[in-house]
C-alpha cells in the first residue's frame, strides 16, 4: 500500500473523529473511526464550504454514527459522508480513500 500516513488508528477515538492537516491539500482531512473501520473526508461542509469544526480539530460526533457540522448542525453518516439532516440534506462530504496499514497507521491511498 502506498500513500501518506495521516495518523495512528489509536489517535482517532472509537466512535469519534480526528482532524489532520495534510500538506498541499485544499482542506484538512477528518478521519472517522468505528472500531477497526475508518473513513476520511475533506473538512468542508457542502452547505457553505466551511469546516465542520468550530474550534480547530474538534468535530462533534453523535452516537458513533454521524458527524455534525458545528456551523449548521448538518449530520453526516460516518460510513459514506451522506448528509441525512440539515440544510444540505442529500449532499455528501468529499470522501478520501484510506486504509489501515500493518503498523496501525491510517494511510491516505492515492
N, C-alpha and C. Protein backbone atom coordinates (compact mmCIF):
# COMPACT_ATOMS: atom_id res chain seq x y z
N UNK A 1 0.85 -1.17 0.00
CA UNK A 1 0.00 0.00 0.00
C UNK A 1 0.90 1.24 0.00
N UNK A 2 0.65 2.15 -0.92
CA UNK A 2 1.42 3.38 -0.93
C UNK A 2 0.49 4.53 -0.61
N UNK A 3 1.03 5.54 0.00
CA UNK A 3 0.22 6.70 0.34
C UNK A 3 0.83 7.47 1.49
N UNK A 4 0.07 8.42 1.99
CA UNK A 4 0.54 9.31 3.04
C UNK A 4 -0.04 8.88 4.38
N UNK A 5 0.82 8.74 5.38
CA UNK A 5 0.35 8.42 6.73
C UNK A 5 -0.35 9.65 7.30
N UNK A 6 -1.58 9.46 7.78
CA UNK A 6 -2.33 10.57 8.37
C UNK A 6 -2.18 10.60 9.88
N UNK A 7 -2.40 9.46 10.52
CA UNK A 7 -2.31 9.36 11.97
C UNK A 7 -2.36 7.88 12.35
N UNK A 8 -2.09 7.59 13.58
CA UNK A 8 -2.23 6.22 14.07
C UNK A 8 -3.71 5.95 14.31
N UNK A 9 -4.14 4.71 14.10
CA UNK A 9 -5.52 4.34 14.36
C UNK A 9 -5.90 4.68 15.80
N UNK A 10 -5.01 4.43 16.74
CA UNK A 10 -5.27 4.69 18.15
C UNK A 10 -5.44 6.18 18.45
N UNK A 11 -4.99 7.06 17.56
CA UNK A 11 -5.14 8.50 17.76
C UNK A 11 -6.55 9.00 17.44
N UNK A 12 -7.35 8.15 16.82
CA UNK A 12 -8.73 8.50 16.49
C UNK A 12 -9.63 7.81 17.51
N UNK A 13 -10.40 8.57 18.29
CA UNK A 13 -11.24 7.91 19.28
C UNK A 13 -12.28 7.00 18.63
N UNK A 14 -12.50 5.84 19.21
CA UNK A 14 -13.51 4.93 18.69
C UNK A 14 -14.87 5.62 18.80
N UNK A 15 -15.56 5.74 17.68
CA UNK A 15 -16.83 6.46 17.65
C UNK A 15 -16.66 7.96 17.50
N UNK A 16 -15.46 8.37 17.16
CA UNK A 16 -15.17 9.80 17.05
C UNK A 16 -14.36 10.13 15.82
N UNK A 17 -13.78 11.33 15.85
CA UNK A 17 -13.06 11.84 14.69
C UNK A 17 -11.81 12.58 15.12
N UNK A 18 -10.90 12.70 14.17
CA UNK A 18 -9.68 13.48 14.36
C UNK A 18 -9.44 14.26 13.08
N UNK A 19 -9.05 15.52 13.23
CA UNK A 19 -8.74 16.37 12.08
C UNK A 19 -7.23 16.35 11.88
N UNK A 20 -6.82 16.10 10.64
CA UNK A 20 -5.40 16.01 10.31
C UNK A 20 -5.10 17.01 9.19
N UNK A 21 -4.11 17.85 9.43
CA UNK A 21 -3.65 18.75 8.37
C UNK A 21 -2.79 17.98 7.39
N UNK A 22 -3.04 18.19 6.12
CA UNK A 22 -2.30 17.49 5.06
C UNK A 22 -1.66 18.54 4.16
N UNK A 23 -0.36 18.41 3.96
CA UNK A 23 0.34 19.35 3.09
C UNK A 23 -0.22 19.30 1.68
N UNK A 24 -0.36 20.44 1.07
CA UNK A 24 -0.80 20.59 -0.33
C UNK A 24 -2.22 20.10 -0.57
N UNK A 25 -3.06 20.11 0.46
CA UNK A 25 -4.47 19.72 0.29
C UNK A 25 -5.34 20.97 0.39
N UNK A 26 -6.50 20.90 -0.23
CA UNK A 26 -7.43 22.03 -0.19
C UNK A 26 -8.02 22.25 1.19
N UNK A 27 -8.12 21.20 1.97
CA UNK A 27 -8.71 21.27 3.30
C UNK A 27 -8.09 20.19 4.17
N UNK A 28 -8.10 20.40 5.49
CA UNK A 28 -7.67 19.31 6.37
C UNK A 28 -8.56 18.09 6.15
N UNK A 29 -8.12 16.95 6.64
CA UNK A 29 -8.84 15.69 6.49
C UNK A 29 -9.43 15.31 7.85
N UNK A 30 -10.70 14.89 7.83
CA UNK A 30 -11.33 14.34 9.03
C UNK A 30 -11.26 12.82 8.91
N UNK A 31 -10.62 12.19 9.89
CA UNK A 31 -10.57 10.73 9.95
C UNK A 31 -11.59 10.31 11.00
N UNK A 32 -12.49 9.41 10.61
CA UNK A 32 -13.57 8.95 11.47
C UNK A 32 -13.37 7.46 11.73
N UNK A 33 -13.66 7.04 12.95
CA UNK A 33 -13.42 5.63 13.31
C UNK A 33 -14.60 5.03 14.04
N UNK A 34 -14.90 3.80 13.71
CA UNK A 34 -15.83 2.97 14.48
C UNK A 34 -15.19 1.61 14.55
N UNK A 35 -14.67 1.25 15.72
CA UNK A 35 -13.94 0.00 15.87
C UNK A 35 -12.69 0.02 15.02
N UNK A 36 -12.52 -1.00 14.18
CA UNK A 36 -11.35 -1.08 13.31
C UNK A 36 -11.59 -0.42 11.95
N UNK A 37 -12.82 0.05 11.71
CA UNK A 37 -13.14 0.67 10.42
C UNK A 37 -12.87 2.17 10.47
N UNK A 38 -12.33 2.70 9.39
CA UNK A 38 -12.06 4.14 9.29
C UNK A 38 -12.53 4.68 7.95
N UNK A 39 -12.90 5.94 7.96
CA UNK A 39 -13.28 6.67 6.76
C UNK A 39 -12.63 8.03 6.87
N UNK A 40 -12.50 8.72 5.74
CA UNK A 40 -11.90 10.05 5.76
C UNK A 40 -12.63 10.96 4.78
N UNK A 41 -12.72 12.23 5.17
CA UNK A 41 -13.42 13.22 4.36
C UNK A 41 -12.67 14.55 4.45
N UNK A 42 -12.80 15.34 3.41
CA UNK A 42 -12.29 16.70 3.47
C UNK A 42 -13.08 17.45 4.54
N UNK A 43 -12.42 18.25 5.33
CA UNK A 43 -13.08 19.01 6.39
C UNK A 43 -13.76 20.25 5.78
N UNK A 44 -14.83 19.97 5.05
CA UNK A 44 -15.54 21.05 4.36
C UNK A 44 -17.01 20.66 4.21
N UNK A 45 -17.89 21.44 4.82
CA UNK A 45 -19.32 21.19 4.73
C UNK A 45 -19.80 21.59 3.33
N UNK A 46 -20.61 20.76 2.69
CA UNK A 46 -21.08 21.10 1.35
C UNK A 46 -22.08 22.26 1.33
N UNK A 47 -22.54 22.69 2.50
CA UNK A 47 -23.52 23.77 2.56
C UNK A 47 -22.91 25.11 2.15
N UNK A 48 -21.85 25.53 2.84
CA UNK A 48 -21.18 26.80 2.51
C UNK A 48 -19.67 26.66 2.43
N UNK A 49 -19.18 25.44 2.26
CA UNK A 49 -17.74 25.17 2.18
C UNK A 49 -16.98 25.67 3.40
N UNK A 50 -17.59 25.55 4.57
CA UNK A 50 -16.92 25.90 5.82
C UNK A 50 -16.48 24.61 6.51
N UNK A 51 -15.47 24.68 7.38
CA UNK A 51 -15.04 23.48 8.10
C UNK A 51 -16.16 22.96 9.00
N UNK A 52 -16.15 21.65 9.25
CA UNK A 52 -17.13 21.06 10.15
C UNK A 52 -16.85 21.42 11.61
N UNK A 53 -15.60 21.71 11.92
CA UNK A 53 -15.24 22.05 13.29
C UNK A 53 -15.31 23.56 13.52
N UNK A 54 -15.85 23.96 14.68
CA UNK A 54 -15.88 25.37 15.05
C UNK A 54 -14.56 25.72 15.72
N UNK A 55 -14.18 24.91 16.71
CA UNK A 55 -12.86 25.01 17.31
C UNK A 55 -11.96 24.10 16.50
N UNK A 56 -10.84 24.59 16.02
CA UNK A 56 -9.98 23.74 15.17
C UNK A 56 -9.67 22.39 15.80
N UNK A 57 -9.95 21.33 15.03
CA UNK A 57 -9.65 19.98 15.47
C UNK A 57 -10.73 19.30 16.27
N UNK A 58 -11.81 20.01 16.62
CA UNK A 58 -12.87 19.41 17.44
C UNK A 58 -14.14 19.24 16.63
N UNK A 59 -14.34 18.02 16.11
CA UNK A 59 -15.52 17.71 15.32
C UNK A 59 -16.50 16.93 16.20
N UNK A 60 -17.74 17.38 16.21
CA UNK A 60 -18.76 16.71 17.02
C UNK A 60 -19.23 15.43 16.33
N UNK A 61 -19.34 14.37 17.12
CA UNK A 61 -19.86 13.09 16.64
C UNK A 61 -20.98 12.68 17.58
N UNK A 62 -22.00 12.08 17.01
CA UNK A 62 -23.16 11.68 17.80
C UNK A 62 -23.37 10.18 17.70
N UNK A 63 -23.38 9.52 18.86
CA UNK A 63 -23.63 8.08 18.97
C UNK A 63 -22.77 7.21 18.05
N UNK A 64 -21.57 7.64 17.77
CA UNK A 64 -20.64 6.90 16.91
C UNK A 64 -21.26 6.60 15.55
N UNK A 65 -22.18 7.46 15.12
CA UNK A 65 -22.88 7.23 13.86
C UNK A 65 -22.74 8.38 12.87
N UNK A 66 -22.71 9.62 13.36
CA UNK A 66 -22.72 10.77 12.47
C UNK A 66 -21.77 11.87 12.94
N UNK A 67 -21.24 12.60 11.96
CA UNK A 67 -20.50 13.84 12.20
C UNK A 67 -21.50 14.98 12.16
N UNK A 68 -21.25 16.04 12.93
CA UNK A 68 -22.15 17.18 12.90
C UNK A 68 -21.37 18.45 12.56
N UNK A 69 -21.87 19.19 11.59
CA UNK A 69 -21.27 20.48 11.25
C UNK A 69 -21.55 21.45 12.38
N UNK A 70 -20.51 22.06 12.90
CA UNK A 70 -20.65 23.00 14.02
C UNK A 70 -21.35 24.29 13.60
N UNK A 71 -21.40 24.57 12.33
CA UNK A 71 -21.98 25.84 11.86
C UNK A 71 -23.46 25.73 11.53
N UNK A 72 -23.89 24.59 11.01
CA UNK A 72 -25.27 24.46 10.53
C UNK A 72 -26.00 23.26 11.11
N UNK A 73 -25.33 22.48 11.95
CA UNK A 73 -25.89 21.27 12.56
C UNK A 73 -26.29 20.19 11.56
N UNK A 74 -25.73 20.24 10.36
CA UNK A 74 -25.96 19.17 9.39
C UNK A 74 -25.32 17.89 9.92
N UNK A 75 -25.98 16.74 9.69
CA UNK A 75 -25.49 15.45 10.16
C UNK A 75 -25.06 14.59 8.98
N UNK A 76 -23.86 14.02 9.07
CA UNK A 76 -23.27 13.22 8.00
C UNK A 76 -22.93 11.84 8.54
N UNK A 77 -23.39 10.79 7.85
CA UNK A 77 -23.09 9.42 8.27
C UNK A 77 -21.59 9.15 8.19
N UNK A 78 -21.09 8.40 9.17
CA UNK A 78 -19.68 8.01 9.17
C UNK A 78 -19.31 7.26 7.89
N UNK A 79 -20.13 6.24 7.54
CA UNK A 79 -19.71 5.28 6.53
C UNK A 79 -19.71 5.79 5.10
N UNK A 80 -20.41 6.88 4.81
CA UNK A 80 -20.40 7.38 3.42
C UNK A 80 -20.41 8.89 3.30
N UNK A 81 -20.45 9.62 4.42
CA UNK A 81 -20.41 11.08 4.38
C UNK A 81 -21.70 11.71 3.86
N UNK A 82 -22.76 10.92 3.76
CA UNK A 82 -24.04 11.42 3.24
C UNK A 82 -24.76 12.23 4.31
N UNK A 83 -25.24 13.42 3.93
CA UNK A 83 -25.96 14.29 4.87
C UNK A 83 -27.39 13.78 5.01
N UNK A 84 -27.75 13.40 6.24
CA UNK A 84 -29.09 12.86 6.49
C UNK A 84 -30.03 13.88 7.09
N UNK A 85 -29.49 15.02 7.53
CA UNK A 85 -30.33 16.05 8.13
C UNK A 85 -29.59 17.37 8.11
N UNK A 86 -30.32 18.45 7.86
CA UNK A 86 -29.73 19.78 7.87
C UNK A 86 -29.92 20.49 6.55
N UNK A 87 -29.32 21.67 6.43
CA UNK A 87 -29.54 22.50 5.24
C UNK A 87 -28.96 21.92 3.95
N UNK A 88 -28.10 20.93 4.05
CA UNK A 88 -27.54 20.32 2.83
C UNK A 88 -27.94 18.85 2.73
N UNK A 89 -29.11 18.51 3.27
CA UNK A 89 -29.59 17.13 3.24
C UNK A 89 -29.53 16.58 1.81
N UNK A 90 -28.98 15.37 1.69
CA UNK A 90 -28.84 14.74 0.39
C UNK A 90 -27.47 14.95 -0.23
N UNK A 91 -26.72 15.92 0.25
CA UNK A 91 -25.36 16.18 -0.25
C UNK A 91 -24.39 15.23 0.45
N UNK A 92 -23.15 15.21 -0.02
CA UNK A 92 -22.12 14.35 0.57
C UNK A 92 -20.86 15.12 0.87
N UNK A 93 -20.16 14.69 1.91
CA UNK A 93 -18.81 15.18 2.15
C UNK A 93 -17.90 14.61 1.07
N UNK A 94 -16.79 15.28 0.79
CA UNK A 94 -15.82 14.79 -0.19
C UNK A 94 -15.00 13.67 0.46
N UNK A 95 -15.24 12.44 0.01
CA UNK A 95 -14.59 11.27 0.58
C UNK A 95 -13.15 11.14 0.08
N UNK A 96 -12.31 10.58 0.93
CA UNK A 96 -10.93 10.27 0.61
C UNK A 96 -10.70 8.81 0.96
N UNK A 97 -10.03 8.10 0.10
CA UNK A 97 -9.78 6.67 0.33
C UNK A 97 -8.65 6.50 1.34
N UNK A 98 -8.95 5.77 2.41
CA UNK A 98 -7.94 5.47 3.43
C UNK A 98 -8.00 3.99 3.77
N UNK A 99 -6.88 3.52 4.26
CA UNK A 99 -6.75 2.15 4.75
C UNK A 99 -5.89 2.18 5.99
N UNK A 100 -5.98 1.11 6.78
CA UNK A 100 -5.10 0.96 7.94
C UNK A 100 -4.02 -0.03 7.55
N UNK A 101 -2.75 0.39 7.69
CA UNK A 101 -1.66 -0.49 7.27
C UNK A 101 -1.30 -1.48 8.39
N UNK A 102 -0.32 -2.32 8.14
CA UNK A 102 0.08 -3.37 9.07
C UNK A 102 0.62 -2.83 10.39
N UNK A 103 1.04 -1.55 10.39
CA UNK A 103 1.57 -0.93 11.61
C UNK A 103 0.55 -0.05 12.30
N UNK A 104 -0.72 -0.18 11.92
CA UNK A 104 -1.84 0.55 12.52
C UNK A 104 -1.80 2.05 12.22
N UNK A 105 -1.26 2.42 11.08
CA UNK A 105 -1.33 3.80 10.60
C UNK A 105 -2.52 3.93 9.66
N UNK A 106 -3.26 5.02 9.76
CA UNK A 106 -4.29 5.34 8.79
C UNK A 106 -3.57 6.03 7.64
N UNK A 107 -3.71 5.45 6.45
CA UNK A 107 -2.93 5.90 5.29
C UNK A 107 -3.90 6.40 4.21
N UNK A 108 -3.63 7.58 3.70
CA UNK A 108 -4.37 8.13 2.58
C UNK A 108 -3.87 7.44 1.32
N UNK A 109 -4.75 6.74 0.63
CA UNK A 109 -4.37 5.96 -0.55
C UNK A 109 -4.54 6.84 -1.77
N UNK A 110 -3.54 6.85 -2.61
CA UNK A 110 -3.59 7.69 -3.81
C UNK A 110 -3.98 6.91 -5.02
